[in-house]
């Protein structure tokens, strides 16, 4: 009876820990200033992962400018982009708010709900960053770094 208890305990531990799958978060940040077009951008990307695959990404992008026309362009562009991505691939929840001299987009991308096969078909360069129809953590970090972001 004691033997069964030990085996059952080990099985429960493996299930609770996900059989050794590592879960965590990686934060990437990006800041830039465009003096010609009079705006600055500050972005934070939080990659939520399990093992070597991305589960979700939480993004906060802040565009700051003293020119209302610049902010209006960003507000429209961000709303249209995220709406189109959600309609085409799914998995996006977003909110874009223009207030004072800032446009802030808050986005959650759920890669478990996304049509990854369609995204890869439309963007073949992503093929090397996908495993088991999910985005790889290292691939996403590489994409953010290529945009100029710094990841912890």
Protein backbone atom coordinates (compact mmCIF):
# COMPACT_ATOMS: atom_id res chain seq x y z
CA UNK A 1 0.00 0.00 0.00
CA UNK A 2 2.86 2.35 0.83
CA UNK A 3 4.35 1.70 -2.63
CA UNK A 4 1.11 2.81 -4.33
CA UNK A 5 1.06 5.97 -2.25
CA UNK A 6 4.62 6.85 -3.33
CA UNK A 7 3.82 6.19 -7.00
CA UNK A 8 0.59 8.21 -6.79
CA UNK A 9 2.45 11.09 -5.13
CA UNK A 10 5.10 11.10 -7.89
CA UNK A 11 2.44 11.08 -10.61
CA UNK A 12 0.61 13.96 -8.94
CA UNK A 13 3.83 15.97 -8.65
CA UNK A 14 4.61 15.43 -12.34
CA UNK A 15 1.11 16.55 -13.31
CA UNK A 16 1.25 19.63 -11.12
CA UNK A 17 4.64 20.69 -12.45
CA UNK A 18 3.70 20.03 -16.06
CA UNK A 19 6.23 17.24 -16.36
CA UNK A 20 9.07 19.69 -15.97
CA UNK A 21 7.74 22.37 -18.35
CA UNK A 22 9.14 25.72 -17.39
CA UNK A 23 6.66 28.61 -17.19
CA UNK A 24 7.53 32.23 -16.93
CA UNK A 25 7.56 35.75 -18.27
CA UNK A 26 10.09 37.70 -20.28
CA UNK A 27 9.84 41.46 -20.51
CA UNK A 28 11.08 43.34 -23.56
CA UNK A 29 11.12 47.12 -23.80
CA UNK A 30 11.56 49.57 -26.63
CA UNK A 31 11.89 53.35 -26.60
CA UNK A 32 12.45 55.63 -29.55
CA UNK A 33 12.06 59.26 -30.52
CA UNK A 34 11.24 60.53 -33.99
CA UNK A 35 12.26 64.19 -34.02
CA UNK A 36 11.25 64.67 -37.66
CA UNK A 37 7.64 63.51 -37.09
CA UNK A 38 7.52 64.85 -33.52
CA UNK A 39 6.62 61.80 -31.46
CA UNK A 40 8.17 59.36 -29.03
CA UNK A 41 7.29 55.72 -28.56
CA UNK A 42 7.60 53.57 -25.46
CA UNK A 43 6.62 49.88 -25.69
CA UNK A 44 6.61 47.00 -23.24
CA UNK A 45 6.11 43.42 -24.42
CA UNK A 46 5.57 40.75 -21.79
CA UNK A 47 5.99 37.25 -23.21
CA UNK A 48 4.16 34.62 -21.17
CA UNK A 49 5.53 31.18 -21.99
CA UNK A 50 5.45 27.52 -21.11
CA UNK A 51 8.46 25.45 -22.04
CA UNK A 52 9.94 27.00 -25.17
CA UNK A 53 6.59 28.12 -26.60
CA UNK A 54 4.73 31.42 -26.27
CA UNK A 55 1.30 31.24 -24.66
CA UNK A 56 0.34 34.94 -24.69
CA UNK A 57 1.92 38.35 -25.09
CA UNK A 58 0.80 41.45 -23.22
CA UNK A 59 1.77 44.67 -24.97
CA UNK A 60 1.53 48.29 -23.87
CA UNK A 61 2.52 50.90 -26.43
CA UNK A 62 2.54 54.61 -25.64
CA UNK A 63 2.92 57.23 -28.34
CA UNK A 64 3.50 60.76 -27.05
CA UNK A 65 3.29 63.91 -29.16
CA UNK A 66 2.27 67.55 -28.86
CA UNK A 67 0.69 67.33 -32.33
CA UNK A 68 -2.90 66.08 -32.28
CA UNK A 69 -2.77 65.07 -35.96
CA UNK A 70 0.16 62.73 -35.22
CA UNK A 71 -1.78 61.16 -32.35
CA UNK A 72 -4.89 60.75 -34.53
CA UNK A 73 -2.88 58.91 -37.18
CA UNK A 74 -1.45 56.53 -34.56
CA UNK A 75 -4.84 56.00 -32.92
CA UNK A 76 -6.48 55.12 -36.24
CA UNK A 77 -3.59 52.96 -37.41
CA UNK A 78 -3.36 50.97 -34.18
CA UNK A 79 -7.12 50.33 -34.03
CA UNK A 80 -7.27 49.27 -37.69
CA UNK A 81 -4.19 47.05 -37.43
CA UNK A 82 -5.30 45.14 -34.33
CA UNK A 83 -8.88 44.84 -35.57
CA UNK A 84 -7.72 43.42 -38.92
CA UNK A 85 -5.27 41.02 -37.24
CA UNK A 86 -8.01 39.77 -34.91
CA UNK A 87 -10.52 39.29 -37.73
CA UNK A 88 -7.96 37.48 -39.88
CA UNK A 89 -6.10 35.34 -37.32
CA UNK A 90 -7.97 35.62 -34.00
CA UNK A 91 -6.53 35.76 -30.50
CA UNK A 92 -6.36 39.56 -30.09
CA UNK A 93 -7.96 41.59 -27.31
CA UNK A 94 -7.08 45.27 -27.48
CA UNK A 95 -7.93 48.75 -26.33
CA UNK A 96 -6.59 51.95 -27.89
CA UNK A 97 -7.11 55.20 -25.98
CA UNK A 98 -6.18 58.75 -26.96
CA UNK A 99 -5.94 61.08 -23.98
CA UNK A 100 -4.17 64.41 -23.66
CA UNK A 101 -0.88 64.15 -25.56
CA UNK A 102 -0.74 60.34 -25.60
CA UNK A 103 -2.16 57.33 -27.44
CA UNK A 104 -1.95 54.10 -25.45
CA UNK A 105 -2.67 50.66 -26.83
CA UNK A 106 -3.07 47.73 -24.47
CA UNK A 107 -3.08 44.38 -26.25
CA UNK A 108 -3.27 40.73 -25.26
CA UNK A 109 -2.36 38.23 -27.97
CA UNK A 110 -3.38 34.65 -27.18
CA UNK A 111 -1.40 32.36 -29.44
CA UNK A 112 -3.50 29.37 -28.34
CA UNK A 113 -6.53 30.98 -30.01
CA UNK A 114 -4.69 32.27 -33.06
CA UNK A 115 -4.86 30.64 -36.49
CA UNK A 116 -1.09 30.20 -36.56
CA UNK A 117 -1.13 28.02 -39.68
CA UNK A 118 -2.82 30.85 -41.63
CA UNK A 119 -0.41 33.45 -40.22
CA UNK A 120 2.61 31.37 -41.26
CA UNK A 121 1.06 30.83 -44.70
CA UNK A 122 0.63 34.60 -45.08
CA UNK A 123 4.03 35.41 -43.50
CA UNK A 124 6.40 32.56 -44.55
CA UNK A 125 9.35 34.19 -42.74
CA UNK A 126 7.69 33.11 -39.45
CA UNK A 127 8.06 29.41 -40.32
CA UNK A 128 11.45 29.18 -38.58
CA UNK A 129 9.92 30.65 -35.41
CA UNK A 130 7.07 28.14 -35.09
CA UNK A 131 7.00 24.71 -33.45
CA UNK A 132 3.89 22.55 -32.99
CA UNK A 133 1.83 25.37 -34.52
CA UNK A 134 2.93 27.74 -31.73
CA UNK A 135 5.43 30.57 -31.68
CA UNK A 136 8.81 29.82 -30.11
CA UNK A 137 10.02 32.10 -27.30
CA UNK A 138 13.46 32.57 -28.84
CA UNK A 139 11.88 33.45 -32.19
CA UNK A 140 9.67 36.13 -30.68
CA UNK A 141 12.58 37.54 -28.68
CA UNK A 142 14.62 37.70 -31.90
CA UNK A 143 11.80 39.61 -33.62
CA UNK A 144 11.54 42.12 -30.78
CA UNK A 145 15.34 42.54 -30.68
CA UNK A 146 15.41 43.17 -34.45
CA UNK A 147 12.98 46.07 -33.83
CA UNK A 148 15.46 47.49 -31.30
CA UNK A 149 13.89 46.17 -28.11
CA UNK A 150 15.88 44.98 -25.12
CA UNK A 151 14.77 41.75 -23.46
CA UNK A 152 15.65 40.69 -19.94
